Structure formats: structure tokens, C-alpha cells
Amino acid sequence: MAKFKRKEDEHTSEGLPLVGIDSGSSSFKLLAAEPTDPQHPYGSQLRIVAADQSTRYRCVKKGIIQNTSEASYMIRESLLLLSNRLHIDNLPTAFTLLGGKTMRCIDVTVKRVMGYRGPIKMQLIDEMQKECLTKVDKAPSAQPIASLDARGAEFLIDDEETVHNLEAGHVLTRVQGVYSTFFGSPDLREKVTGSFERAGKSIEQSFARPSALLEALASEQDELIGVAIIDMGSDTTTISVYKGGHFLTTKVAALGGNNITMDVQQLGISAQNAEKLKLRFGSAFMEEEAPKTVRIPNAREGEEPILVKTDFLSTIIVSRLEEIMQPIFAELKKFEDQIGQVYITGGASKMANMVEYVQSHTTLPVAYGSHADWLDEQTEPQFYGPEYSAVVGSLLLGAKFRQEHPGKALPGTKVPSGGKGIMKTLTDLFTQENN
């Protein structure tokens, strides 16, 4: 039998740090990390070894990249900056997040019969996942759709045993798998892929944003009793409900924290000052204490400063929140009897009293989601913020992907010089400069 030789331009991820990119609407966030336990990377903590945040272009709207040229420039420049901070030649690949205003989720079933009883291989498991994605891509639809990600929900082994995780080496004759499969507008996938191609970089693997958040925020107990995650972004707000291996629903509202900022801006102040005012003095829940008066520079040069009372500011915030969250709360209500915990996350969740606001609309327990347990004790404080939960989740899923696919080729990439020792001396973890 002829053997296939790996192309000379194909290299593996060995020696490369895990790199995750979150192409949010207000900035591109990148984290590079290494597992604290290299022998057991999936499940170990992460050591953040470099980071960058690019705000050069606002090229994402409602979670969808609008300009691939601008996005590719940010990707290429940020990966170059990370490479320099890590003192390595090149970071050719990254794990990415997919999601946006059209994203939804359904269960897709696939089957495999091996013809003999023996250990299943990772290649066959990958083929089952790809079949789910292909089924969605080829499904008849009134609007064009494209698959984004498929996460294994449950597997029936030889018509007898049901497991939630199918691993290579599991002995079986036949298997039926159910996958929570995410899909949406083709732009959600194609714009990200196109941006990486223009940047001359490869996507090691893409993950649906709700799947990454589940990985970062939910415990095994949460997954068992049922958990809802409300992701409050700049331009979109998403609710995902997960229980017993399945994503029961994913719904995206095409409004977010930027809409509140724009409302505050109508007071006559700049967008930058409106954002600061919202986060520092705004509240999502009307407080009983006496209101304060805040003095803010007028957006018009030479005009008198704007005086804003904090109770009026909260009225503006809550009014828009009611519009943003109405479809989210409606979806939460549908699955209330299957949920034991609600987590809120995302940059817009940093407004004061957001937990209290959400709690006032449900009988379920509500808390801020936290990925702190996944970060080692040397982590800089800013990386504990809710705006980093999704990209941390992509790193965790990336660690699992590499563990399951050791030596997987990365077409068109080059492993940086220095081999396994490249992560020993690292500096300059973060910059807030506009790159």
C-alpha cells in the first residue's frame, strides 16, 4: 500500500503556544497561553504568556466581520506583536470564535458501523462531527446558512450504553452520536476564514462562542442541573441554555452595550465619555440612595459642561436594557424548568447591578460567570474580566483539540525556532495601545 508523504510546507503545532482570538465588535482580543501541566493540557490551568488588544478598526458589526481587509490587518499585526513578545519567529495559527446575530443551534444525529468490535479512532470521531456540519450546510433553507461548530451531546454505544463524551480507544461495534450543531449566516464563517487567509495565517480550529463560554464558566454540576449563559456584548446579547450534554437553545438579540452608550451620548457628550459615564456612575437597577450630579465635558468644544444626575442616567440605561433583554428573558422563561443556574458575562455585563437587574426578571439564581479557576496565580488582574471569558474558553477547547490530535499538520505554516523551550522567559503581557 502506498504511503502518503506529508508536504514540506506542513508542520505541526508542537512548540507553539495556544493562541485564541475573539473578534469582538469593539476590539480584537488575543491571548497566548500554555497549560500549567503539559502532560495533561486539557483540564489544567492556563498560564497567560502574552496578550494583545487591537482597536485600530471597528470592522465588526453584530458579530459579523464587515471588512476582511481591515480584519486581516489586525490579525496579522497582533500575531506579529505576540510573536515579538514571546521571542519566537512566527505565530502562524490561532483558535477562533464564531457567532453573531443569526446564530442558532439544533441537534444533528449521525451513525457509524465499524463492521467489527474494536477501539474507535479519532479519525472516525472527526468524520462524525464533519458529517453533522455537512448535513447543516446541505439542508434546505429559505435563507442561506452555514455550519459553525458541532459539539458532541450524547453517544449510544452498541444500542446499550449512553455516554456524553466519545473518546478514541472506546471499544464498540457501532455508535450513534447526537451533536449540538451551531449554524447561521454564511458570513459568520466565511468572513473569519477570509480574514485569516488574507492575513496569511491558518485557523487551527473554530469554536462556537456559546461552547467556549460553557467551557470557561460552567461546572460539571451546572451542566448536570442545567445552566443558562447570558453573553452581553457590544452589539449583540446571546442566551444559551445547556443541560445534560445538549445545548437546548441559542438565541441572539441584535442589541448590546453599545446601544446603551449611544443613548447616553445623546445627552451631548462624546462616545468615549458616554461609555465612561455608563460604567462608572450608571446602574442597571434603580438604587434608593440619594442621586449624585456628575459633570461631563460637552461634546461641542467651548460649550458648558453637561450635568447629569445619576438617577436619570439609570433611567436611560434601564429603558434600553428592557428592549435589549426582552427576547432574552422570553427565551429564559421557555426553559426555566430545565435550568438550575444563570450566569451573565461579556463586556456589557460590567455595568453596576447587572446581577440584580437580571435577578428581578427571573426566579432562578443569577451570578456573574467566572473563569478564574482556569487561570494560574500569576495571571494579570485584567484577564479575569468577563470580556475575556470567551477567549479563555477557546484556549481550553484548543488544549483539548491538541490533546486529541497530537502531531496534526498545519498546512502552510512553519514551526517557530526554539522548539519546546520557547515559553520560558516571557514579558510584556498586555498593551492597551491602538495597534
Protein backbone atom coordinates (compact mmCIF):
# COMPACT_ATOMS: atom_id res chain seq x y z
CA MET A 1 0.00 0.00 0.00
CA ALA A 2 1.35 3.41 -0.94
CA LYS A 3 2.18 5.78 1.89
CA PHE A 4 1.30 9.45 1.70
CA LYS A 5 4.13 11.78 2.48
CA ARG A 6 3.42 14.99 4.36
CA LYS A 7 4.01 18.08 2.25
CA GLU A 8 7.15 20.02 3.09
CA ASP A 9 5.16 23.13 4.00
CA GLU A 10 3.02 21.28 6.55
CA HIS A 11 4.12 21.47 10.16
CA THR A 12 2.56 20.66 13.49
CA SER A 13 1.57 22.74 16.50
CA GLU A 14 4.35 21.25 18.62
CA GLY A 15 6.25 24.04 20.35
CA LEU A 16 3.54 26.62 19.67
CA PRO A 17 1.57 28.28 22.47
CA LEU A 18 -2.20 28.11 22.45
CA VAL A 19 -3.48 31.32 20.83
CA GLY A 20 -7.12 32.41 20.94
CA ILE A 21 -8.68 35.33 19.05
CA ASP A 22 -12.01 36.93 19.91
CA SER A 23 -13.08 39.30 17.14
CA GLY A 24 -15.48 41.35 19.24
CA SER A 25 -17.15 44.47 17.86
CA SER A 26 -15.20 46.93 20.00
CA SER A 27 -11.77 45.27 19.71
CA PHE A 28 -9.88 42.13 18.73
CA LYS A 29 -8.68 40.35 21.88
CA LEU A 30 -5.83 37.85 21.66
CA LEU A 31 -4.42 35.63 24.39
CA ALA A 32 -1.46 33.27 24.13
CA ALA A 33 -1.20 30.65 26.86
CA GLU A 34 0.43 27.40 27.85
CA PRO A 35 -1.11 24.68 30.07
CA THR A 36 0.43 24.52 33.53
CA ASP A 37 0.52 20.71 33.17
CA PRO A 38 1.92 19.92 29.70
CA GLN A 39 1.34 16.19 30.23
CA HIS A 40 -2.39 16.75 30.78
CA PRO A 41 -3.14 20.00 28.94
CA TYR A 42 -6.91 19.60 28.87
CA GLY A 43 -8.18 20.25 32.36
CA SER A 44 -5.08 22.01 33.64
CA GLN A 45 -4.87 25.71 34.37
CA LEU A 46 -3.68 28.23 31.80
CA ARG A 47 -0.64 30.44 32.14
CA ILE A 48 -1.19 33.59 30.07
CA VAL A 49 2.15 34.28 28.39
CA ALA A 50 1.25 37.15 26.04
CA ALA A 51 -1.76 39.22 25.05
CA ASP A 52 -2.85 41.98 22.74
CA GLN A 53 -5.92 44.07 22.10
CA SER A 54 -6.35 45.81 18.75
CA THR A 55 -8.81 48.67 18.26
CA ARG A 56 -7.35 50.03 15.04
CA TYR A 57 -10.55 49.35 13.06
CA ARG A 58 -14.16 48.86 14.09
CA CYS A 59 -14.77 46.30 11.36
CA VAL A 60 -17.24 44.01 13.17
CA LYS A 61 -20.98 44.69 13.34
CA LYS A 62 -23.46 42.49 15.18
CA GLY A 63 -20.75 39.84 15.49
CA ILE A 64 -20.04 39.71 11.73
CA ILE A 65 -16.81 41.00 10.17
CA GLN A 66 -17.69 43.72 7.66
CA ASN A 67 -14.27 44.35 6.13
CA THR A 68 -11.91 41.39 5.71
CA SER A 69 -9.01 43.64 4.68
CA GLU A 70 -9.16 45.56 7.94
CA ALA A 71 -9.71 42.39 9.98
CA SER A 72 -6.78 40.62 8.29
CA TYR A 73 -4.51 43.58 9.04
CA MET A 74 -5.46 43.43 12.75
CA ILE A 75 -4.94 39.66 12.88
CA ARG A 76 -1.57 39.80 11.16
CA GLU A 77 -0.32 42.76 13.20
CA SER A 78 -1.48 41.38 16.55
CA LEU A 79 0.03 37.94 15.93
CA LEU A 80 3.28 39.62 14.95
CA LEU A 81 3.27 41.63 18.18
CA LEU A 82 2.64 38.46 20.20
CA SER A 83 5.49 36.73 18.38
CA ASN A 84 7.83 39.55 19.29
CA ARG A 85 6.81 39.45 22.94
CA LEU A 86 7.33 35.70 23.04
CA HIS A 87 10.71 36.00 21.27
CA ILE A 88 9.73 33.49 18.60
CA ASP A 89 9.81 33.75 14.82
CA ASN A 90 6.18 33.32 13.97
CA LEU A 91 2.68 32.57 15.30
CA PRO A 92 1.09 31.05 12.22
CA THR A 93 -2.17 29.79 13.63
CA ALA A 94 -4.90 30.51 16.19
CA PHE A 95 -8.15 29.20 17.61
CA THR A 96 -11.12 31.39 16.69
CA LEU A 97 -14.63 32.05 17.95
CA LEU A 98 -17.70 32.09 15.71
CA GLY A 99 -21.04 33.69 16.48
CA GLY A 100 -23.30 36.63 15.72
CA LYS A 101 -26.83 37.84 15.27
CA THR A 102 -28.02 34.92 13.08
CA MET A 103 -26.53 32.08 15.11
CA ARG A 104 -28.78 29.19 16.16
CA CYS A 105 -28.37 25.60 17.32
CA ILE A 106 -30.03 22.26 16.55
CA ASP A 107 -29.34 18.60 17.35
CA VAL A 108 -27.97 16.53 14.46
CA THR A 109 -27.70 12.72 14.57
CA VAL A 110 -25.08 10.61 12.77
CA LYS A 111 -24.29 6.88 12.84
CA ARG A 112 -21.23 4.72 12.23
CA VAL A 113 -20.86 0.93 11.98
CA MET A 114 -17.28 -0.34 12.23
CA GLY A 115 -18.02 -3.87 11.00
CA TYR A 116 -16.01 -5.36 13.84
CA ARG A 117 -15.67 -4.80 17.57
CA GLY A 118 -12.63 -2.72 18.42
CA PRO A 119 -11.33 0.64 19.60
CA ILE A 120 -12.67 3.65 17.70
CA LYS A 121 -10.10 6.02 16.22
CA MET A 122 -10.03 9.79 16.41
CA GLN A 123 -10.28 9.96 12.64
CA LEU A 124 -13.70 8.30 12.73
CA ILE A 125 -14.89 10.60 15.52
CA ASP A 126 -13.77 13.60 13.43
CA GLU A 127 -15.68 12.23 10.44
CA MET A 128 -18.87 12.04 12.51
CA GLN A 129 -18.50 15.66 13.54
CA LYS A 130 -17.83 16.73 9.95
CA GLU A 131 -20.93 14.87 8.78
CA CYS A 132 -23.04 16.96 11.18
CA LEU A 133 -21.59 20.12 9.69
CA THR A 134 -22.13 18.87 6.15
CA LYS A 135 -25.76 17.96 6.89
CA VAL A 136 -26.42 21.51 8.04
CA ASP A 137 -24.60 23.02 5.04
CA LYS A 138 -26.71 20.95 2.63
CA ALA A 139 -30.04 21.30 4.45
CA PRO A 140 -32.82 23.07 2.51
CA SER A 141 -33.40 26.55 3.91
CA ALA A 142 -35.31 29.69 2.94
CA GLN A 143 -32.16 31.69 3.72
CA PRO A 144 -28.53 30.70 3.06
CA ILE A 145 -26.96 29.07 6.12
CA ALA A 146 -23.58 27.65 7.05
CA SER A 147 -22.46 25.37 9.86
CA LEU A 148 -20.21 26.85 12.55
CA ASP A 149 -19.40 24.13 15.07
CA ALA A 150 -20.66 20.76 16.33
CA ARG A 151 -20.28 19.70 19.95
CA GLY A 152 -20.93 16.09 20.94
CA ALA A 153 -24.03 15.81 23.12
CA GLU A 154 -24.50 12.07 23.67
CA PHE A 155 -23.45 8.80 22.07
CA LEU A 156 -25.29 5.47 22.06
CA ILE A 157 -22.76 2.62 22.04
CA ASP A 158 -23.92 -0.70 20.53
CA ASP A 159 -27.55 0.19 21.35
CA GLU A 160 -26.79 -0.33 25.05
CA GLU A 161 -24.58 2.29 26.71
CA THR A 162 -25.03 6.08 26.53
CA VAL A 163 -22.05 8.38 27.15
CA HIS A 164 -21.65 12.15 26.78
CA ASN A 165 -18.00 12.02 25.67
CA LEU A 166 -16.79 9.68 22.95
CA GLU A 167 -13.03 9.26 23.11
CA ALA A 168 -10.55 7.49 20.87
CA GLY A 169 -9.98 3.95 22.14
CA HIS A 170 -13.59 3.38 23.22
CA VAL A 171 -14.34 -0.25 22.26
CA LEU A 172 -17.50 -0.66 20.17
CA THR A 173 -19.08 -2.08 17.04
CA ARG A 174 -21.48 0.73 16.17
CA VAL A 175 -22.25 4.16 17.53
CA GLN A 176 -24.97 6.77 17.14
CA GLY A 177 -23.97 10.32 18.01
CA VAL A 178 -26.07 13.38 18.65
CA TYR A 179 -24.30 16.72 18.22
CA SER A 180 -25.41 20.21 19.22
CA THR A 181 -24.67 21.89 15.90
CA PHE A 182 -24.39 25.65 15.54
CA PHE A 183 -25.19 27.44 12.30
CA GLY A 184 -26.06 30.86 10.94
CA SER A 185 -25.49 33.23 8.05
CA PRO A 186 -22.58 32.12 5.81
CA ASP A 187 -20.90 35.43 6.63
CA LEU A 188 -20.32 34.27 10.21
CA ARG A 189 -17.89 31.63 8.94
CA GLU A 190 -16.72 32.97 5.59
CA LYS A 191 -15.69 36.43 6.81
CA VAL A 192 -13.50 34.95 9.56
CA THR A 193 -11.96 32.40 7.19
CA GLY A 194 -11.37 35.07 4.55
CA SER A 195 -9.72 37.39 7.06
CA PHE A 196 -7.25 34.72 8.14
CA GLU A 197 -6.48 33.79 4.54
CA ARG A 198 -5.75 37.43 3.67
CA ALA A 199 -3.55 37.66 6.76
CA GLY A 200 -1.55 34.63 5.63
CA LYS A 201 -2.48 32.75 8.82
CA SER A 202 -4.31 29.49 9.44
CA ILE A 203 -7.24 28.68 11.70
CA GLU A 204 -6.23 25.73 13.85
CA GLN A 205 -9.87 25.17 14.87
CA SER A 206 -13.01 27.28 15.25
CA PHE A 207 -15.47 27.04 18.12
CA ALA A 208 -18.97 28.43 18.55
CA ARG A 209 -18.88 31.19 21.14
CA PRO A 210 -21.53 29.57 23.41
CA SER A 211 -19.46 26.37 23.51
CA ALA A 212 -16.36 28.30 24.59
CA LEU A 213 -18.29 30.16 27.29
CA LEU A 214 -19.73 26.92 28.61
CA GLU A 215 -16.20 25.51 28.86
CA ALA A 216 -14.92 28.56 30.74
CA LEU A 217 -17.81 29.24 33.11
CA ALA A 218 -19.86 26.12 33.88
CA SER A 219 -19.01 23.39 36.36
CA GLU A 220 -19.95 19.73 35.95
CA GLN A 221 -22.76 20.34 38.43
CA ASP A 222 -24.04 23.27 36.36
CA GLU A 223 -24.08 21.11 33.24
CA LEU A 224 -25.99 18.40 35.08
CA ILE A 225 -28.72 20.61 36.58
CA GLY A 226 -28.92 22.93 33.58
CA VAL A 227 -27.28 26.30 33.03
CA ALA A 228 -28.16 29.44 31.09
CA ILE A 229 -25.36 31.78 30.00
CA ILE A 230 -26.26 35.33 29.00
CA ASP A 231 -23.43 36.85 26.98
CA MET A 232 -23.76 40.65 26.93
CA GLY A 233 -21.61 42.05 24.14
CA SER A 234 -21.25 45.43 22.49
CA ASP A 235 -23.62 44.81 19.58
CA THR A 236 -25.35 41.54 20.45
CA THR A 237 -26.74 39.79 23.52
CA THR A 238 -26.91 36.00 23.46
CA ILE A 239 -28.56 33.42 25.67
CA SER A 240 -27.57 29.76 25.56
CA VAL A 241 -29.16 27.01 27.63
CA TYR A 242 -27.27 23.78 28.23
CA LYS A 243 -28.22 20.63 30.11
CA GLY A 244 -27.07 17.02 30.15
CA GLY A 245 -24.76 17.33 27.17
CA HIS A 246 -27.16 19.28 24.93
CA PHE A 247 -27.48 22.93 24.02
CA LEU A 248 -31.24 23.28 24.31
CA THR A 249 -31.31 26.70 22.68
CA THR A 250 -29.19 29.60 21.50
CA LYS A 251 -30.83 32.94 20.74
CA VAL A 252 -29.11 36.17 19.70
CA ALA A 253 -30.62 39.64 20.16
CA ALA A 254 -29.08 42.19 17.79
CA LEU A 255 -28.65 44.83 20.51
CA GLY A 256 -25.97 45.28 23.15
CA GLY A 257 -23.97 47.59 25.35
CA ASN A 258 -23.15 50.00 22.51
CA ASN A 259 -26.84 50.82 22.17
CA ILE A 260 -26.90 51.99 25.78
CA THR A 261 -23.74 54.04 25.22
CA MET A 262 -25.31 55.73 22.20
CA ASP A 263 -28.38 56.62 24.25
CA VAL A 264 -26.20 58.18 26.94
CA GLN A 265 -24.27 60.03 24.23
CA GLN A 266 -27.49 61.85 23.31
CA LEU A 267 -27.02 63.90 26.49
CA GLY A 268 -24.49 65.88 24.47
CA ILE A 269 -21.27 64.11 25.36
CA SER A 270 -18.70 62.13 23.36
CA ALA A 271 -18.97 58.38 22.83
CA GLN A 272 -15.84 57.86 24.93
CA ASN A 273 -17.23 59.88 27.85
CA ALA A 274 -20.64 58.21 27.48
CA GLU A 275 -19.00 54.81 27.93
CA LYS A 276 -17.07 56.00 30.97
CA LEU A 277 -20.18 57.59 32.48
CA LYS A 278 -22.20 54.41 31.92
CA LEU A 279 -19.66 52.15 33.61
CA ARG A 280 -18.62 54.43 36.46
CA PHE A 281 -21.89 56.06 37.51
CA GLY A 282 -24.61 54.13 35.70
CA SER A 283 -26.71 51.39 37.24
CA ALA A 284 -28.93 48.71 35.78
CA PHE A 285 -31.02 48.71 38.92
CA MET A 286 -32.60 51.78 40.49
CA GLU A 287 -30.98 52.40 43.88
CA GLU A 288 -32.59 54.04 46.88
CA GLU A 289 -29.63 56.22 47.83
CA ALA A 290 -29.66 59.92 47.01
CA PRO A 291 -28.68 60.67 43.38
CA LYS A 292 -25.41 62.38 42.55
CA THR A 293 -24.71 65.01 39.93
CA VAL A 294 -21.87 64.26 37.52
CA ARG A 295 -20.14 66.97 35.49
CA ILE A 296 -19.14 65.78 31.98
CA PRO A 297 -17.37 67.74 29.19
CA ASN A 298 -19.67 68.86 26.38
CA ALA A 299 -19.16 67.17 23.03
CA ARG A 300 -19.17 70.62 21.46
CA GLU A 301 -15.90 72.40 22.04
CA GLY A 302 -16.31 75.60 24.05
CA GLU A 303 -19.80 74.74 25.31
CA GLU A 304 -20.71 74.46 29.00
CA PRO A 305 -20.17 71.03 30.62
CA ILE A 306 -23.16 68.68 30.85
CA LEU A 307 -24.59 67.98 34.32
CA VAL A 308 -26.10 64.53 34.65
CA LYS A 309 -27.97 63.15 37.66
CA THR A 310 -27.24 59.51 38.35
CA ASP A 311 -30.91 58.59 38.78
CA PHE A 312 -31.68 59.99 35.31
CA LEU A 313 -28.69 58.10 33.92
CA SER A 314 -30.07 54.87 35.38
CA THR A 315 -33.45 55.61 33.79
CA ILE A 316 -31.77 55.81 30.37
CA ILE A 317 -29.88 52.56 30.98
CA VAL A 318 -32.84 50.57 32.26
CA SER A 319 -35.11 51.76 29.45
CA ARG A 320 -32.74 50.44 26.80
CA LEU A 321 -31.99 47.29 28.81
CA GLU A 322 -35.67 46.40 28.79
CA GLU A 323 -35.62 46.46 24.99
CA ILE A 324 -32.35 44.54 24.73
CA MET A 325 -33.28 41.86 27.23
CA GLN A 326 -36.94 41.28 26.36
CA PRO A 327 -36.24 38.43 23.87
CA ILE A 328 -33.54 37.06 26.19
CA PHE A 329 -35.90 36.85 29.15
CA ALA A 330 -38.62 35.37 26.94
CA GLU A 331 -36.24 32.57 25.90
CA LEU A 332 -35.12 32.06 29.51
CA LYS A 333 -38.76 31.63 30.53
CA LYS A 334 -39.27 28.82 27.99
CA PHE A 335 -36.58 26.67 29.61
CA GLU A 336 -36.93 27.78 33.22
CA ASP A 337 -37.88 24.31 34.45
CA GLN A 338 -34.65 22.87 32.98
CA ILE A 339 -32.26 25.45 34.40
CA GLY A 340 -30.61 25.46 37.81
CA GLN A 341 -28.27 28.44 37.39
CA VAL A 342 -27.97 31.60 35.29
CA TYR A 343 -24.60 33.23 34.57
CA ILE A 344 -24.05 36.62 32.98
CA THR A 345 -20.85 37.53 31.19
CA GLY A 346 -19.44 39.73 28.43
CA GLY A 347 -18.14 43.29 28.46
CA ALA A 348 -21.59 44.89 28.81
CA SER A 349 -22.25 42.87 31.99
CA LYS A 350 -19.74 45.14 33.80
CA MET A 351 -22.39 47.79 34.39
CA ALA A 352 -23.28 48.13 38.06
CA ASN A 353 -26.06 45.95 39.45
CA MET A 354 -26.48 43.78 36.37
CA VAL A 355 -26.99 40.68 38.51
CA GLU A 356 -29.73 42.44 40.45
CA TYR A 357 -31.37 43.54 37.21
CA VAL A 358 -31.44 40.04 35.72
CA GLN A 359 -32.49 38.56 39.06
CA SER A 360 -35.54 40.86 39.11
CA HIS A 361 -36.77 39.16 35.93
CA THR A 362 -36.44 35.51 36.96
CA THR A 363 -36.88 33.21 39.95
CA LEU A 364 -33.64 31.37 39.07
CA PRO A 365 -30.36 32.09 40.88
CA VAL A 366 -28.21 34.58 38.95
CA ALA A 367 -24.46 35.22 39.28
CA TYR A 368 -21.54 36.63 37.32
CA GLY A 369 -19.79 33.89 35.38
CA SER A 370 -16.15 33.45 36.34
CA HIS A 371 -13.27 31.74 34.53
CA ALA A 372 -10.86 32.49 37.40
CA ASP A 373 -10.33 28.83 38.33
CA TRP A 374 -8.76 28.22 34.92
CA LEU A 375 -6.06 30.87 35.30
CA ASP A 376 -2.89 30.35 37.31
CA GLU A 377 -2.00 32.62 40.22
CA GLN A 378 0.46 34.71 38.19
CA THR A 379 -2.28 35.99 35.87
CA GLU A 380 -2.59 39.76 35.48
CA PRO A 381 -5.85 41.12 37.02
CA GLN A 382 -7.37 42.40 33.75
CA PHE A 383 -7.63 38.90 32.31
CA TYR A 384 -10.17 37.91 34.95
CA GLY A 385 -12.69 40.35 33.41
CA PRO A 386 -15.87 38.94 31.81
CA GLU A 387 -14.81 40.28 28.41
CA TYR A 388 -12.09 37.58 28.37
CA SER A 389 -14.29 34.58 29.27
CA ALA A 390 -14.97 33.53 25.68
CA VAL A 391 -11.34 33.69 24.54
CA VAL A 392 -10.26 31.76 27.66
CA GLY A 393 -12.85 29.15 26.70
CA SER A 394 -11.35 28.94 23.21
CA LEU A 395 -7.95 28.20 24.78
CA LEU A 396 -9.43 25.43 26.92
CA LEU A 397 -11.14 23.86 23.91
CA GLY A 398 -7.92 24.36 21.95
CA ALA A 399 -5.95 22.43 24.58
CA LYS A 400 -8.44 19.58 24.27
CA PHE A 401 -8.23 19.67 20.48
CA ARG A 402 -4.43 19.40 20.53
CA GLN A 403 -4.51 16.59 23.06
CA GLU A 404 -6.88 14.65 20.81
CA HIS A 405 -4.90 15.45 17.64
CA PRO A 406 -1.20 15.19 18.51
CA GLY A 407 1.04 15.97 15.57
CA LYS A 408 -1.81 17.32 13.42
CA ALA A 409 -0.46 19.15 10.39
CA LEU A 410 -0.93 22.88 9.97
CA PRO A 411 -0.81 23.44 6.19
CA GLY A 412 1.32 26.34 5.01
CA THR A 413 2.80 27.10 8.43
CA LYS A 414 6.23 26.97 9.96
CA VAL A 415 7.02 25.91 13.50
CA PRO A 416 8.99 28.72 15.20
CA SER A 417 12.62 28.22 16.18
CA GLY A 418 13.32 27.30 19.77
CA GLY A 419 11.16 24.16 19.94
CA LYS A 420 9.65 23.25 23.28
CA GLY A 421 11.66 25.79 25.24
CA ILE A 422 10.11 28.92 23.74
CA MET A 423 7.83 29.66 26.68
CA LYS A 424 10.41 30.08 29.42
CA THR A 425 11.12 33.80 29.57
CA LEU A 426 8.17 35.99 28.65
CA THR A 427 7.42 39.65 29.23
CA ASP A 428 5.04 42.43 28.24
CA LEU A 429 1.74 40.66 28.82
CA PHE A 430 -0.62 43.32 27.65
CA THR A 431 -0.88 46.61 25.83
CA GLN A 432 -3.81 48.97 25.58
CA GLU A 433 -2.30 50.94 22.73
CA ASN A 434 -4.21 51.23 19.50
CA ASN A 435 -2.03 48.95 17.42
